[in-house]
Amino acid sequence: MWGRMRKSFVRFVNTVRADIDNGRDKRTHNLFEAAAAYVSACAEDDQEQIDEAAGWVSPEALSFGVSELACRAVIALARERDESPQTVARALLGLPAA
């Protein structure tokens, strides 16, 4: 049992050392930071930043964050335009009014 724990600890330490040696950013990012960086990079067509932001969290978390950002953006635009969220979302996607 102690042997397994020791091996796990050694693997963990080696991973941390490798990350430090590679100069990787050790700061952790939450899914909303990743989503904001990802969407803004997509809008600016910045592939390097897209790749970086996509690596901050799991693909599932990034998908959730992008979805949440889209919902909040549509709600904010709908309030600003005094329209329904459905009307705003369809307009943003270039779809005809329902």
N, C-alpha and C. Protein backbone atom coordinates (compact mmCIF):
# COMPACT_ATOMS: atom_id res chain seq x y z
N MET A 1 0.82 -1.19 0.00
CA MET A 1 0.00 0.00 0.00
C MET A 1 0.87 1.26 0.00
N TRP A 2 1.89 1.29 0.85
CA TRP A 2 2.76 2.47 0.89
C TRP A 2 3.51 2.64 -0.42
N GLY A 3 3.82 1.52 -1.05
CA GLY A 3 4.51 1.59 -2.34
C GLY A 3 3.67 2.29 -3.40
N ARG A 4 2.38 1.98 -3.43
CA ARG A 4 1.48 2.61 -4.38
C ARG A 4 1.35 4.11 -4.11
N MET A 5 1.22 4.46 -2.84
CA MET A 5 1.10 5.88 -2.49
C MET A 5 2.37 6.62 -2.87
N ARG A 6 3.52 6.01 -2.61
CA ARG A 6 4.78 6.64 -2.96
C ARG A 6 4.90 6.85 -4.47
N LYS A 7 4.52 5.82 -5.25
CA LYS A 7 4.57 5.94 -6.71
C LYS A 7 3.65 7.05 -7.21
N SER A 8 2.45 7.14 -6.64
CA SER A 8 1.51 8.19 -7.03
C SER A 8 2.07 9.56 -6.71
N PHE A 9 2.66 9.69 -5.53
CA PHE A 9 3.24 10.97 -5.12
C PHE A 9 4.40 11.34 -6.04
N VAL A 10 5.25 10.39 -6.36
CA VAL A 10 6.40 10.65 -7.23
C VAL A 10 5.92 11.07 -8.62
N ARG A 11 4.87 10.41 -9.14
CA ARG A 11 4.32 10.80 -10.44
C ARG A 11 3.79 12.23 -10.40
N PHE A 12 3.10 12.57 -9.32
CA PHE A 12 2.56 13.92 -9.16
C PHE A 12 3.69 14.94 -9.14
N VAL A 13 4.72 14.69 -8.34
CA VAL A 13 5.84 15.62 -8.24
C VAL A 13 6.53 15.76 -9.59
N ASN A 14 6.71 14.66 -10.30
CA ASN A 14 7.34 14.73 -11.62
C ASN A 14 6.51 15.53 -12.62
N THR A 15 5.20 15.42 -12.53
CA THR A 15 4.32 16.19 -13.40
C THR A 15 4.45 17.68 -13.10
N VAL A 16 4.46 18.03 -11.83
CA VAL A 16 4.61 19.43 -11.44
C VAL A 16 5.96 19.96 -11.91
N ARG A 17 6.99 19.18 -11.73
CA ARG A 17 8.32 19.61 -12.19
C ARG A 17 8.35 19.81 -13.69
N ALA A 18 7.73 18.89 -14.42
CA ALA A 18 7.70 19.01 -15.89
C ALA A 18 6.95 20.26 -16.31
N ASP A 19 5.85 20.57 -15.62
CA ASP A 19 5.10 21.78 -15.94
C ASP A 19 5.93 23.03 -15.68
N ILE A 20 6.66 23.04 -14.59
CA ILE A 20 7.51 24.18 -14.26
C ILE A 20 8.63 24.30 -15.29
N ASP A 21 9.23 23.18 -15.65
CA ASP A 21 10.30 23.20 -16.62
C ASP A 21 9.83 23.67 -17.99
N ASN A 22 8.59 23.34 -18.35
CA ASN A 22 8.06 23.74 -19.63
C ASN A 22 7.59 25.18 -19.64
N GLY A 23 7.60 25.82 -18.48
CA GLY A 23 7.20 27.21 -18.39
C GLY A 23 5.71 27.41 -18.55
N ARG A 24 4.92 26.39 -18.29
CA ARG A 24 3.47 26.50 -18.44
C ARG A 24 2.89 27.40 -17.37
N ASP A 25 1.80 28.05 -17.74
CA ASP A 25 1.08 28.93 -16.82
C ASP A 25 0.43 28.08 -15.74
N LYS A 26 0.79 28.29 -14.50
CA LYS A 26 0.27 27.49 -13.39
C LYS A 26 -1.02 28.05 -12.83
N ARG A 27 -1.42 29.24 -13.27
CA ARG A 27 -2.66 29.83 -12.78
C ARG A 27 -3.83 29.00 -13.28
N THR A 28 -4.76 28.73 -12.40
CA THR A 28 -5.96 28.01 -12.83
C THR A 28 -7.01 29.01 -13.29
N HIS A 29 -7.74 28.64 -14.30
CA HIS A 29 -8.77 29.49 -14.87
C HIS A 29 -10.12 28.83 -14.63
N ASN A 30 -11.14 29.65 -14.38
CA ASN A 30 -12.46 29.05 -14.26
C ASN A 30 -13.12 29.01 -15.63
N LEU A 31 -14.23 28.31 -15.71
CA LEU A 31 -14.85 28.09 -17.01
C LEU A 31 -15.38 29.38 -17.63
N PHE A 32 -15.76 30.36 -16.81
CA PHE A 32 -16.26 31.61 -17.38
C PHE A 32 -15.13 32.45 -17.96
N GLU A 33 -13.96 32.43 -17.33
CA GLU A 33 -12.80 33.12 -17.91
C GLU A 33 -12.43 32.46 -19.23
N ALA A 34 -12.43 31.14 -19.25
CA ALA A 34 -12.10 30.41 -20.47
C ALA A 34 -13.11 30.72 -21.57
N ALA A 35 -14.39 30.74 -21.24
CA ALA A 35 -15.42 31.02 -22.24
C ALA A 35 -15.28 32.43 -22.79
N ALA A 36 -15.05 33.39 -21.91
CA ALA A 36 -14.90 34.78 -22.36
C ALA A 36 -13.69 34.93 -23.27
N ALA A 37 -12.58 34.33 -22.89
CA ALA A 37 -11.37 34.41 -23.73
C ALA A 37 -11.57 33.69 -25.05
N TYR A 38 -12.23 32.54 -25.01
CA TYR A 38 -12.47 31.74 -26.21
C TYR A 38 -13.37 32.48 -27.20
N VAL A 39 -14.48 33.00 -26.71
CA VAL A 39 -15.44 33.70 -27.59
C VAL A 39 -14.82 34.98 -28.16
N SER A 40 -14.13 35.74 -27.32
CA SER A 40 -13.52 36.97 -27.84
C SER A 40 -12.42 36.66 -28.85
N ALA A 41 -11.68 35.58 -28.62
CA ALA A 41 -10.64 35.17 -29.59
C ALA A 41 -11.28 34.71 -30.90
N CYS A 42 -12.41 34.02 -30.80
CA CYS A 42 -13.12 33.61 -32.02
C CYS A 42 -13.59 34.83 -32.80
N ALA A 43 -14.10 35.83 -32.09
CA ALA A 43 -14.57 37.05 -32.74
C ALA A 43 -13.43 37.79 -33.44
N GLU A 44 -12.23 37.70 -32.87
CA GLU A 44 -11.07 38.37 -33.45
C GLU A 44 -10.28 37.46 -34.38
N ASP A 45 -10.73 36.22 -34.54
CA ASP A 45 -10.07 35.21 -35.38
C ASP A 45 -8.61 35.01 -34.98
N ASP A 46 -8.38 34.90 -33.67
CA ASP A 46 -7.04 34.73 -33.10
C ASP A 46 -6.86 33.26 -32.70
N GLN A 47 -6.37 32.45 -33.62
CA GLN A 47 -6.28 31.01 -33.40
C GLN A 47 -5.38 30.64 -32.22
N GLU A 48 -4.33 31.39 -32.02
CA GLU A 48 -3.43 31.10 -30.89
C GLU A 48 -4.16 31.27 -29.55
N GLN A 49 -4.91 32.35 -29.42
CA GLN A 49 -5.67 32.58 -28.18
C GLN A 49 -6.82 31.57 -28.05
N ILE A 50 -7.43 31.19 -29.16
CA ILE A 50 -8.49 30.17 -29.13
C ILE A 50 -7.94 28.88 -28.56
N ASP A 51 -6.79 28.46 -29.06
CA ASP A 51 -6.16 27.22 -28.58
C ASP A 51 -5.78 27.31 -27.11
N GLU A 52 -5.27 28.46 -26.71
CA GLU A 52 -4.87 28.63 -25.32
C GLU A 52 -6.08 28.55 -24.39
N ALA A 53 -7.13 29.30 -24.72
CA ALA A 53 -8.33 29.30 -23.88
C ALA A 53 -8.99 27.93 -23.85
N ALA A 54 -8.96 27.22 -24.95
CA ALA A 54 -9.57 25.89 -25.01
C ALA A 54 -8.82 24.90 -24.11
N GLY A 55 -7.57 25.18 -23.81
CA GLY A 55 -6.80 24.30 -22.96
C GLY A 55 -6.94 24.58 -21.47
N TRP A 56 -7.61 25.66 -21.12
CA TRP A 56 -7.74 26.03 -19.71
C TRP A 56 -8.70 25.14 -18.94
N VAL A 57 -9.73 24.65 -19.60
CA VAL A 57 -10.74 23.82 -18.94
C VAL A 57 -11.09 22.66 -19.86
N SER A 58 -11.87 21.74 -19.36
CA SER A 58 -12.29 20.61 -20.19
C SER A 58 -13.22 21.09 -21.30
N PRO A 59 -13.32 20.33 -22.38
CA PRO A 59 -14.22 20.73 -23.47
C PRO A 59 -15.68 20.87 -23.00
N GLU A 60 -16.09 20.01 -22.07
CA GLU A 60 -17.46 20.09 -21.56
C GLU A 60 -17.68 21.39 -20.79
N ALA A 61 -16.71 21.75 -19.96
CA ALA A 61 -16.82 22.98 -19.18
C ALA A 61 -16.80 24.20 -20.11
N LEU A 62 -15.95 24.16 -21.13
CA LEU A 62 -15.89 25.27 -22.08
C LEU A 62 -17.22 25.41 -22.81
N SER A 63 -17.80 24.30 -23.20
CA SER A 63 -19.09 24.32 -23.89
C SER A 63 -20.17 24.94 -22.99
N PHE A 64 -20.18 24.54 -21.73
CA PHE A 64 -21.15 25.11 -20.79
C PHE A 64 -20.92 26.61 -20.62
N GLY A 65 -19.66 27.02 -20.49
CA GLY A 65 -19.35 28.44 -20.33
C GLY A 65 -19.75 29.27 -21.53
N VAL A 66 -19.50 28.74 -22.73
CA VAL A 66 -19.88 29.46 -23.95
C VAL A 66 -21.40 29.57 -24.03
N SER A 67 -22.09 28.50 -23.68
CA SER A 67 -23.56 28.52 -23.68
C SER A 67 -24.09 29.55 -22.69
N GLU A 68 -23.52 29.58 -21.50
CA GLU A 68 -23.95 30.55 -20.49
C GLU A 68 -23.66 31.98 -20.95
N LEU A 69 -22.52 32.19 -21.58
CA LEU A 69 -22.18 33.51 -22.10
C LEU A 69 -23.17 33.93 -23.18
N ALA A 70 -23.54 33.02 -24.06
CA ALA A 70 -24.50 33.31 -25.12
C ALA A 70 -25.85 33.71 -24.52
N CYS A 71 -26.29 32.95 -23.52
CA CYS A 71 -27.58 33.27 -22.87
C CYS A 71 -27.55 34.67 -22.25
N ARG A 72 -26.48 34.96 -21.53
CA ARG A 72 -26.38 36.27 -20.89
C ARG A 72 -26.30 37.40 -21.91
N ALA A 73 -25.58 37.16 -23.01
CA ALA A 73 -25.46 38.19 -24.04
C ALA A 73 -26.80 38.46 -24.71
N VAL A 74 -27.54 37.40 -25.01
CA VAL A 74 -28.85 37.57 -25.65
C VAL A 74 -29.80 38.31 -24.71
N ILE A 75 -29.79 37.95 -23.43
CA ILE A 75 -30.65 38.64 -22.46
C ILE A 75 -30.28 40.12 -22.37
N ALA A 76 -28.99 40.42 -22.31
CA ALA A 76 -28.56 41.82 -22.22
C ALA A 76 -28.96 42.61 -23.46
N LEU A 77 -28.77 42.01 -24.63
CA LEU A 77 -29.17 42.70 -25.87
C LEU A 77 -30.67 42.87 -25.95
N ALA A 78 -31.40 41.87 -25.51
CA ALA A 78 -32.87 41.96 -25.55
C ALA A 78 -33.35 43.11 -24.65
N ARG A 79 -32.76 43.22 -23.48
CA ARG A 79 -33.14 44.34 -22.59
C ARG A 79 -32.77 45.68 -23.20
N GLU A 80 -31.58 45.74 -23.79
CA GLU A 80 -31.12 46.99 -24.40
C GLU A 80 -32.01 47.41 -25.57
N ARG A 81 -32.44 46.45 -26.36
CA ARG A 81 -33.25 46.73 -27.54
C ARG A 81 -34.75 46.72 -27.25
N ASP A 82 -35.11 46.35 -26.05
CA ASP A 82 -36.52 46.23 -25.66
C ASP A 82 -37.25 45.26 -26.59
N GLU A 83 -36.62 44.10 -26.81
CA GLU A 83 -37.18 43.03 -27.64
C GLU A 83 -37.13 41.74 -26.85
N SER A 84 -37.76 40.71 -27.38
CA SER A 84 -37.72 39.41 -26.71
C SER A 84 -36.37 38.73 -26.99
N PRO A 85 -35.90 37.88 -26.08
CA PRO A 85 -34.66 37.14 -26.32
C PRO A 85 -34.73 36.30 -27.60
N GLN A 86 -35.90 35.74 -27.91
CA GLN A 86 -36.03 34.93 -29.12
C GLN A 86 -35.81 35.78 -30.37
N THR A 87 -36.38 36.98 -30.38
CA THR A 87 -36.22 37.88 -31.53
C THR A 87 -34.75 38.26 -31.70
N VAL A 88 -34.09 38.57 -30.61
CA VAL A 88 -32.67 38.95 -30.66
C VAL A 88 -31.82 37.78 -31.13
N ALA A 89 -32.05 36.59 -30.56
CA ALA A 89 -31.25 35.42 -30.94
C ALA A 89 -31.42 35.10 -32.43
N ARG A 90 -32.64 35.15 -32.91
CA ARG A 90 -32.88 34.87 -34.33
C ARG A 90 -32.22 35.93 -35.21
N ALA A 91 -32.27 37.18 -34.79
CA ALA A 91 -31.64 38.26 -35.56
C ALA A 91 -30.12 38.08 -35.61
N LEU A 92 -29.52 37.71 -34.47
CA LEU A 92 -28.07 37.50 -34.44
C LEU A 92 -27.63 36.37 -35.35
N LEU A 93 -28.48 35.38 -35.49
CA LEU A 93 -28.16 34.23 -36.36
C LEU A 93 -28.60 34.42 -37.79
N GLY A 94 -29.24 35.57 -38.08
CA GLY A 94 -29.69 35.85 -39.44
C GLY A 94 -30.91 35.05 -39.85
N LEU A 95 -31.71 34.65 -38.86
CA LEU A 95 -32.91 33.87 -39.14
C LEU A 95 -34.11 34.81 -39.25
N PRO A 96 -35.11 34.43 -40.04
CA PRO A 96 -36.30 35.28 -40.13
C PRO A 96 -37.06 35.29 -38.79
N ALA A 97 -37.82 36.34 -38.58
CA ALA A 97 -38.62 36.44 -37.35
C ALA A 97 -39.61 35.29 -37.29
N ALA A 98 -39.84 34.81 -36.09
CA ALA A 98 -40.74 33.66 -35.92
C ALA A 98 -42.18 34.06 -35.98
